[in-house]
Each structure stands twice: as structure tokens, then as C-alpha cells.
Amino acid sequence: MFSAADEEQWKIITRQIDETDYYVVIVGNRYGSISDGVSYTEKEYDYAVSKGIPALGFVIDPNVESLAKNTDKEDEKIAALAKFKIKVKQRPVGFWKAADDLHGKVSIALMKTFNTTPRTGWSRATSIAGPEVMQELSRLSRENSDLRSQLSAAKNTEAIDRRTHLQTRIETLKSVGKTLQLRERGKKTWDIEVNTNLFEIFCHLAPDMMVEISIDSASIFLGVMYKPKDIDALSPTAPIPINHIGLYFADLASLDLVEPSKKKHQVADKSSYWSLTQEGIDVLKLHRATRLEAQAAKASKRNSHSSARRPRSPSETQEKNK
């Protein structure tokens, strides 16, 4: 750790170890600098153990042949190193052969020790979390809570505004009347007239437009939906004028409800295709959700009335008369 061998240096070493969470000692084939008959490395190790600091030892594999320059030659140091290795081996220890091998083993051993023997950490919470810090954390927590409340309120307001906007779209569509002209089978002219509105037309076509619908298919589908009961059959092709269907789509597009489909088609396919925009999807979802909610409320009311009219059983009648 340090090279100088005086009392002041040892104080620095011990202070550093006191602030350490884990101590790792790597023992090779040299004992190191000696002070009072003991190497600094061994003194550090003994001090860390005495302070209860988890000590991880890694001793070089005895089968590794070291270079002469990396090996002690004095008998005193050789003997001291052997005793130190025995001391380190009294605790769980790992053996290493090369630097790459050592790197992996130290990393793995540290990770395991972090889990089995968790420590406070390098920055002590007791030294940094003073009253000022706690007050600031409390203020930030309140501010965070206030911001969350404001965000939630803003989202609720946005949702209400969005629903109001979509409902306005629906009312606009309902207010736009349309007279459909239908062609009976075998005839060349569109002599049948049926009154409706743009919202009804939208509701009929919208489910298919969640993917796409061609202008020809829209003409046929609307013809089926609006065919008067006293008419035997409509023309199988263009029962409603194609140019009229195009105008309906143009009206819906002006309200940002539909757009030309982005799907690719064969070159030979000359028909135009339309799909819902996100605005159109939202209008359809609101309409259908509102209708389902109304149906559920009606069913619940009907069930409650049915329960109220249910005749009492003899046991229930007797219980009431008691």
C-alpha cells in the first residue's frame, strides 16, 4: 500500500484501513518491506483482521515458477513469507497463477462477499446526512408529491377536454343530413332516396375502416344497410353512386376522421381505399363505449325491477309475518 516505514506513515495506513469495507491481500513470492521484523503487508493484514474487516486472501499457486527477480533470496524473508502464507490460508483463500486469472478470481470473490457480508459503503451515511440534508430531502419529497398531484389533475382535465372534443365531433356529424340515392337491380338510374346523416354513415363504415375499406365496397355495404324493405334487390355494382361515396369520405376527412389508406395494393387495383385516423378511432371508441355503458345500465335496472317483482317464497313470507 505504502512504501515509507515510519510512524506517521503507519497512521496513514491504519486510517485508510479503518475507512475500508473490505481488505484484499495478494501474496506472491516476495515478503516485502519489513518494519520491526514484520512486512508492511502482513501488518496491514493483521490490522484489518483485528478490526473485523472482511479479509480476502489470494496466494500464488505453489506450482507456478516465478522469475528470480520476483522471488526473495534472504532466508529470513523466505521463512517469514512461508509463515505469512500459512496465516492467510487459515481463512478462505484463493490461489492464482497469472494476472488475468487473479483479476477474475478477485472480482468473483468480492461480488460474493458483497452479498454475504454487506458493509456500509465508502461514503458513510452518518457523515453526510445532516439535518440540512434531511430537511432538503423532506422538501424535495413534498415538492415531488405536489408535482405528481398536479400532473394527475392535468391528465384528468386533459381526458375530460378530450372527451368533450370527441362528443362535439359526434354532434357535428349528427347535424349533417345526407340523402342517399340507391339504384335498384336492373336499372340504370339511382331513383330511390333514403334520408340519414353523416354520423350514421360513419358508424356503418368505421369498423371496417379500422383496417381499410375500398370506395366500391363502401357503396355496396351502405346499399345493404339502407335498402328499403319494399325493394327486392339493389344493383350488385355501385348501388350508391361512387362519386357520392367519395364526397362522404371527403366530408369525414375534413373533420380529420379518415384518411387514404397507407396499405399497398396491386398495380392493377385502381380502387381507392380509406382508413380511420386516430381521431376517427377515438370517436368510434367513445360512441361504442357510451352505447355499451347505456346497455349495461339498462340491463342492471331491468334486473333490479325483476328482483323487486319476484314473488316471495313461503319461508320468506313467514319470516316477514313474525
Protein backbone atom coordinates (compact mmCIF):
# COMPACT_ATOMS: atom_id res chain seq x y z
CA MET A 1 0.00 0.00 0.00
CA PHE A 2 2.69 2.47 1.05
CA SER A 3 6.48 2.37 0.87
CA ALA A 4 7.70 4.62 3.72
CA ALA A 5 8.39 2.93 7.05
CA ASP A 6 7.87 5.48 9.76
CA GLU A 7 5.26 6.04 12.46
CA GLU A 8 3.46 8.81 10.57
CA GLN A 9 3.11 6.58 7.53
CA TRP A 10 1.63 3.78 9.62
CA LYS A 11 -1.01 6.18 10.98
CA ILE A 12 -2.00 6.98 7.41
CA ILE A 13 -2.21 3.28 6.61
CA THR A 14 -4.38 2.44 9.62
CA ARG A 15 -6.69 5.39 8.96
CA GLN A 16 -7.12 4.19 5.39
CA ILE A 17 -7.91 0.66 6.55
CA ASP A 18 -10.39 1.99 9.14
CA GLU A 19 -12.37 3.55 6.30
CA THR A 20 -12.23 0.37 4.21
CA ASP A 21 -15.15 -2.04 3.87
CA TYR A 22 -13.16 -4.99 2.51
CA TYR A 23 -9.47 -5.84 2.59
CA VAL A 24 -7.84 -7.85 -0.22
CA VAL A 25 -4.31 -9.22 0.24
CA ILE A 26 -2.45 -10.70 -2.72
CA VAL A 27 0.55 -12.82 -1.74
CA GLY A 28 3.22 -13.71 -4.28
CA ASN A 29 6.81 -14.87 -3.76
CA ARG A 30 8.17 -11.75 -2.06
CA TYR A 31 7.62 -10.78 1.55
CA GLY A 32 8.02 -7.01 1.04
CA SER A 33 9.45 -4.16 3.10
CA ILE A 34 9.99 -5.03 6.79
CA SER A 35 9.34 -2.84 9.82
CA ASP A 36 10.04 -4.18 13.32
CA GLY A 37 10.55 -7.67 11.90
CA VAL A 38 7.19 -7.76 10.04
CA SER A 39 6.39 -6.67 6.49
CA TYR A 40 4.02 -3.80 5.98
CA THR A 41 1.70 -6.12 4.04
CA GLU A 42 1.44 -8.52 6.97
CA LYS A 43 0.96 -5.64 9.44
CA GLU A 44 -1.86 -4.28 7.26
CA TYR A 45 -3.46 -7.71 7.05
CA ASP A 46 -3.26 -8.26 10.83
CA TYR A 47 -4.69 -4.79 11.49
CA ALA A 48 -7.63 -5.31 9.10
CA VAL A 49 -8.46 -8.67 10.70
CA SER A 50 -8.23 -7.14 14.20
CA LYS A 51 -10.78 -4.50 13.16
CA GLY A 52 -13.23 -7.13 11.92
CA ILE A 53 -12.91 -6.07 8.30
CA PRO A 54 -13.62 -8.96 5.90
CA ALA A 55 -10.22 -10.01 4.53
CA LEU A 56 -9.92 -11.84 1.22
CA GLY A 57 -6.63 -13.65 0.65
CA PHE A 58 -5.17 -14.70 -2.70
CA VAL A 59 -1.97 -16.74 -2.61
CA ILE A 60 0.12 -17.59 -5.65
CA ASP A 61 -0.12 -21.23 -6.72
CA PRO A 62 2.94 -23.14 -5.41
CA ASN A 63 3.36 -24.84 -8.79
CA VAL A 64 3.97 -21.52 -10.56
CA GLU A 65 7.62 -20.95 -11.44
CA SER A 66 8.48 -17.32 -10.67
CA LEU A 67 11.28 -15.30 -12.17
CA ALA A 68 14.33 -14.85 -9.98
CA LYS A 69 13.70 -11.11 -9.70
CA ASN A 70 10.26 -11.81 -8.25
CA THR A 71 11.50 -14.17 -5.55
CA ASP A 72 13.09 -13.41 -2.15
CA LYS A 73 16.65 -14.67 -1.68
CA GLU A 74 17.19 -13.93 2.02
CA ASP A 75 16.44 -16.91 4.26
CA GLU A 76 14.77 -14.64 6.83
CA LYS A 77 12.28 -13.26 4.31
CA ILE A 78 11.65 -16.69 2.76
CA ALA A 79 10.76 -18.11 6.18
CA ALA A 80 8.62 -15.08 7.10
CA LEU A 81 6.77 -15.34 3.77
CA ALA A 82 6.03 -19.02 4.34
CA LYS A 83 4.58 -18.27 7.80
CA PHE A 84 2.52 -15.40 6.38
CA LYS A 85 1.07 -17.67 3.70
CA ILE A 86 0.09 -20.18 6.39
CA LYS A 87 -1.63 -17.38 8.33
CA VAL A 88 -3.58 -16.21 5.27
CA LYS A 89 -4.61 -19.79 4.45
CA GLN A 90 -6.28 -20.13 7.86
CA ARG A 91 -9.17 -18.18 6.31
CA PRO A 92 -10.94 -18.92 3.00
CA VAL A 93 -8.35 -18.25 0.32
CA GLY A 94 -7.99 -18.36 -3.45
CA PHE A 95 -4.98 -19.44 -5.49
CA TRP A 96 -3.81 -17.66 -8.62
CA LYS A 97 -1.37 -18.38 -11.40
CA ALA A 98 -1.31 -15.23 -13.55
CA ALA A 99 -2.58 -11.65 -13.55
CA ASP A 100 -5.60 -12.44 -15.77
CA ASP A 101 -6.50 -15.38 -13.57
CA LEU A 102 -6.17 -13.20 -10.45
CA HIS A 103 -8.41 -10.45 -11.85
CA GLY A 104 -11.32 -12.82 -12.40
CA LYS A 105 -11.00 -14.55 -9.04
CA VAL A 106 -10.81 -11.30 -7.06
CA SER A 107 -13.87 -9.90 -8.87
CA ILE A 108 -15.94 -13.03 -8.22
CA ALA A 109 -14.86 -13.26 -4.56
CA LEU A 110 -15.72 -9.60 -3.96
CA MET A 111 -19.17 -9.95 -5.51
CA LYS A 112 -19.92 -12.97 -3.31
CA THR A 113 -18.68 -11.14 -0.22
CA PHE A 114 -20.80 -8.09 -1.07
CA ASN A 115 -23.86 -10.36 -0.87
CA THR A 116 -22.88 -12.48 2.14
CA THR A 117 -21.25 -9.70 4.18
CA PRO A 118 -22.77 -6.35 3.16
CA ARG A 119 -20.97 -3.30 4.52
CA THR A 120 -21.85 0.38 4.99
CA GLY A 121 -20.04 1.64 1.90
CA TRP A 122 -17.22 4.08 1.26
CA SER A 123 -19.36 7.21 1.87
CA ARG A 124 -20.77 6.83 5.36
CA ALA A 125 -24.38 7.96 5.59
CA THR A 126 -23.79 9.17 9.16
CA SER A 127 -21.20 11.63 7.92
CA ILE A 128 -23.21 13.19 5.08
CA ALA A 129 -26.88 13.06 6.08
CA GLY A 130 -27.01 16.00 8.48
CA PRO A 131 -30.13 17.97 9.49
CA GLU A 132 -29.81 20.25 6.46
CA VAL A 133 -29.71 17.27 4.12
CA MET A 134 -32.74 15.66 5.77
CA GLN A 135 -34.68 18.93 5.56
CA GLU A 136 -33.82 19.25 1.89
CA LEU A 137 -34.88 15.65 1.23
CA SER A 138 -38.16 16.31 3.03
CA ARG A 139 -38.76 19.46 0.97
CA LEU A 140 -37.99 17.64 -2.27
CA SER A 141 -40.31 14.79 -1.27
CA ARG A 142 -43.18 17.25 -0.67
CA GLU A 143 -42.43 19.01 -3.93
CA ASN A 144 -42.40 15.69 -5.76
CA SER A 145 -45.77 14.78 -4.22
CA ASP A 146 -47.26 18.15 -5.22
CA LEU A 147 -45.98 17.78 -8.78
CA ARG A 148 -47.47 14.29 -9.01
CA SER A 149 -50.83 15.63 -7.84
CA GLN A 150 -50.68 18.47 -10.37
CA LEU A 151 -49.76 16.04 -13.13
CA SER A 152 -52.65 13.73 -12.20
CA ALA A 153 -55.06 16.68 -12.18
CA ALA A 154 -53.74 17.87 -15.53
CA LYS A 155 -54.21 14.40 -17.02
CA ASN A 156 -57.78 14.23 -15.70
CA THR A 157 -58.53 17.67 -17.15
CA GLU A 158 -56.98 16.63 -20.46
CA ALA A 159 -59.10 13.47 -20.53
CA ILE A 160 -62.28 15.49 -19.86
CA ASP A 161 -61.35 18.03 -22.53
CA ARG A 162 -60.63 15.22 -24.99
CA ARG A 163 -64.00 13.56 -24.32
CA THR A 164 -65.77 16.90 -24.78
CA HIS A 165 -63.96 17.45 -28.07
CA LEU A 166 -64.90 13.99 -29.36
CA GLN A 167 -68.52 14.45 -28.29
CA THR A 168 -68.58 17.71 -30.24
CA ARG A 169 -67.34 15.80 -33.29
CA ILE A 170 -70.21 13.34 -32.89
CA GLU A 171 -72.78 16.12 -32.60
CA THR A 172 -71.37 17.76 -35.72
CA LEU A 173 -71.70 14.52 -37.66
CA LYS A 174 -75.27 14.02 -36.47
CA SER A 175 -76.23 17.52 -37.58
CA VAL A 176 -75.10 16.95 -41.17
CA GLY A 177 -78.04 15.37 -43.02
CA LYS A 178 -77.48 13.21 -46.10
CA THR A 179 -79.86 11.85 -48.73
CA LEU A 180 -78.61 8.56 -50.14
CA GLN A 181 -79.57 7.72 -53.71
CA LEU A 182 -79.88 3.99 -54.35
CA ARG A 183 -80.16 2.05 -57.60
CA GLU A 184 -82.48 -0.91 -57.90
CA ARG A 185 -81.28 -4.08 -59.60
CA GLY A 186 -81.63 -3.93 -63.38
CA LYS A 187 -81.97 -0.14 -63.51
CA LYS A 188 -79.52 2.45 -64.79
CA THR A 189 -80.54 5.36 -62.58
CA TRP A 190 -80.50 5.96 -58.82
CA ASP A 191 -84.17 6.62 -58.16
CA ILE A 192 -84.51 5.52 -54.51
CA GLU A 193 -83.85 8.12 -51.80
CA VAL A 194 -83.15 7.41 -48.14
CA ASN A 195 -82.54 10.12 -45.55
CA THR A 196 -79.76 9.68 -42.95
CA ASN A 197 -76.91 11.70 -41.50
CA LEU A 198 -73.12 11.67 -41.70
CA PHE A 199 -72.76 10.11 -38.25
CA GLU A 200 -74.82 7.07 -39.22
CA ILE A 201 -72.75 6.65 -42.37
CA PHE A 202 -69.56 6.92 -40.28
CA CYS A 203 -70.81 4.34 -37.76
CA HIS A 204 -71.62 1.84 -40.54
CA LEU A 205 -68.23 2.15 -42.25
CA ALA A 206 -65.90 2.82 -39.29
CA PRO A 207 -65.42 -0.79 -38.04
CA ASP A 208 -64.11 -1.86 -41.45
CA MET A 209 -62.04 1.30 -41.73
CA MET A 210 -60.06 0.33 -38.64
CA VAL A 211 -58.13 -1.60 -41.29
CA GLU A 212 -59.38 -0.14 -44.57
CA ILE A 213 -62.35 -0.18 -46.94
CA SER A 214 -62.47 0.48 -50.66
CA ILE A 215 -64.83 3.06 -52.08
CA ASP A 216 -66.57 0.30 -54.09
CA SER A 217 -67.07 -1.89 -51.02
CA ALA A 218 -68.40 1.11 -49.11
CA SER A 219 -71.05 1.67 -51.80
CA ILE A 220 -72.17 -1.97 -51.65
CA PHE A 221 -72.13 -2.10 -47.82
CA LEU A 222 -74.15 1.11 -47.41
CA GLY A 223 -76.59 -0.17 -50.03
CA VAL A 224 -77.17 -3.30 -47.92
CA MET A 225 -77.64 -1.24 -44.73
CA TYR A 226 -80.07 1.29 -46.27
CA LYS A 227 -82.06 -0.88 -48.70
CA PRO A 228 -85.78 -0.22 -48.17
CA LYS A 229 -87.76 -3.30 -47.18
CA ASP A 230 -90.13 -2.96 -50.12
CA ILE A 231 -87.27 -3.13 -52.62
CA ASP A 232 -86.45 -6.59 -53.82
CA ALA A 233 -82.76 -6.08 -54.53
CA LEU A 234 -80.27 -3.34 -55.33
CA SER A 235 -77.76 -3.23 -58.14
CA PRO A 236 -74.78 -5.51 -57.35
CA THR A 237 -72.42 -2.77 -58.61
CA ALA A 238 -72.44 0.79 -57.34
CA PRO A 239 -75.85 0.66 -55.63
CA ILE A 240 -74.93 4.16 -54.42
CA PRO A 241 -73.07 6.45 -56.86
CA ILE A 242 -69.31 6.10 -56.39
CA ASN A 243 -68.83 9.86 -56.65
CA HIS A 244 -71.30 10.34 -53.79
CA ILE A 245 -69.33 7.89 -51.65
CA GLY A 246 -66.20 9.89 -52.43
CA LEU A 247 -67.92 13.05 -51.17
CA TYR A 248 -68.88 11.32 -47.91
CA PHE A 249 -65.24 10.34 -47.35
CA ALA A 250 -64.17 13.91 -48.18
CA ASP A 251 -66.57 15.24 -45.52
CA LEU A 252 -65.20 12.79 -42.94
CA ALA A 253 -61.63 13.66 -43.93
CA SER A 254 -62.37 17.38 -43.40
CA LEU A 255 -63.08 16.51 -39.75
CA ASP A 256 -59.83 14.51 -39.54
CA LEU A 257 -61.72 11.24 -39.07
CA VAL A 258 -60.49 9.33 -42.14
CA GLU A 259 -57.53 9.37 -44.48
CA PRO A 260 -56.42 7.50 -47.62
CA SER A 261 -55.15 4.06 -46.64
CA LYS A 262 -51.39 3.62 -46.40
CA LYS A 263 -51.52 -0.08 -47.25
CA LYS A 264 -50.02 -1.11 -50.59
CA HIS A 265 -52.14 -2.75 -53.29
CA GLN A 266 -51.54 -4.36 -56.64
CA VAL A 267 -50.90 -2.03 -59.56
CA ALA A 268 -53.99 -3.35 -61.32
CA ASP A 269 -56.19 -2.35 -58.38
CA LYS A 270 -57.48 1.12 -59.31
CA SER A 271 -59.92 1.48 -56.41
CA SER A 272 -59.27 4.00 -53.64
CA TYR A 273 -59.09 2.83 -50.03
CA TRP A 274 -59.81 4.69 -46.80
CA SER A 275 -58.84 4.12 -43.15
CA LEU A 276 -59.62 5.76 -39.81
CA THR A 277 -57.25 8.33 -38.38
CA GLN A 278 -56.52 8.27 -34.64
CA GLU A 279 -59.23 10.90 -34.26
CA GLY A 280 -61.66 8.60 -36.07
CA ILE A 281 -60.70 5.65 -33.88
CA ASP A 282 -61.26 7.74 -30.75
CA VAL A 283 -64.70 8.89 -31.96
CA LEU A 284 -65.69 5.30 -32.73
CA LYS A 285 -64.42 4.08 -29.34
CA LEU A 286 -66.33 6.80 -27.48
CA HIS A 287 -69.55 6.05 -29.36
CA ARG A 288 -69.39 2.30 -28.83
CA ALA A 289 -68.28 2.63 -25.18
CA THR A 290 -71.16 5.01 -24.47
CA ARG A 291 -73.60 2.61 -26.11
CA LEU A 292 -72.26 -0.35 -24.11
CA GLU A 293 -72.47 1.61 -20.86
CA ALA A 294 -76.08 2.52 -21.63
CA GLN A 295 -76.91 -1.11 -22.38
CA ALA A 296 -75.29 -2.23 -19.14
CA ALA A 297 -77.19 0.38 -17.12
CA LYS A 298 -80.47 -0.65 -18.74
CA ALA A 299 -79.81 -4.33 -18.03
CA SER A 300 -78.95 -3.57 -14.41
CA LYS A 301 -82.14 -1.55 -13.99
CA ARG A 302 -84.19 -4.32 -15.58
CA ASN A 303 -82.67 -6.93 -13.27
CA SER A 304 -83.36 -4.82 -10.18
CA HIS A 305 -87.02 -4.40 -11.21
CA SER A 306 -87.27 -8.12 -11.87
CA SER A 307 -85.94 -8.87 -8.39
CA ALA A 308 -88.39 -6.45 -6.80
CA ARG A 309 -91.36 -8.14 -8.54
CA ARG A 310 -90.19 -11.67 -7.69
CA PRO A 311 -92.86 -13.43 -5.58
CA ARG A 312 -91.79 -14.32 -2.05
CA SER A 313 -91.31 -17.94 -1.13
CA PRO A 314 -93.45 -19.35 1.72
CA SER A 315 -90.47 -19.26 4.07
CA GLU A 316 -89.82 -15.59 3.25
CA THR A 317 -93.50 -14.74 3.86
CA GLN A 318 -93.48 -16.50 7.24
CA GLU A 319 -90.27 -14.69 8.21
CA LYS A 320 -91.82 -11.31 7.35
CA ASN A 321 -95.01 -12.02 9.38
CA LYS A 322 -93.06 -12.88 12.53
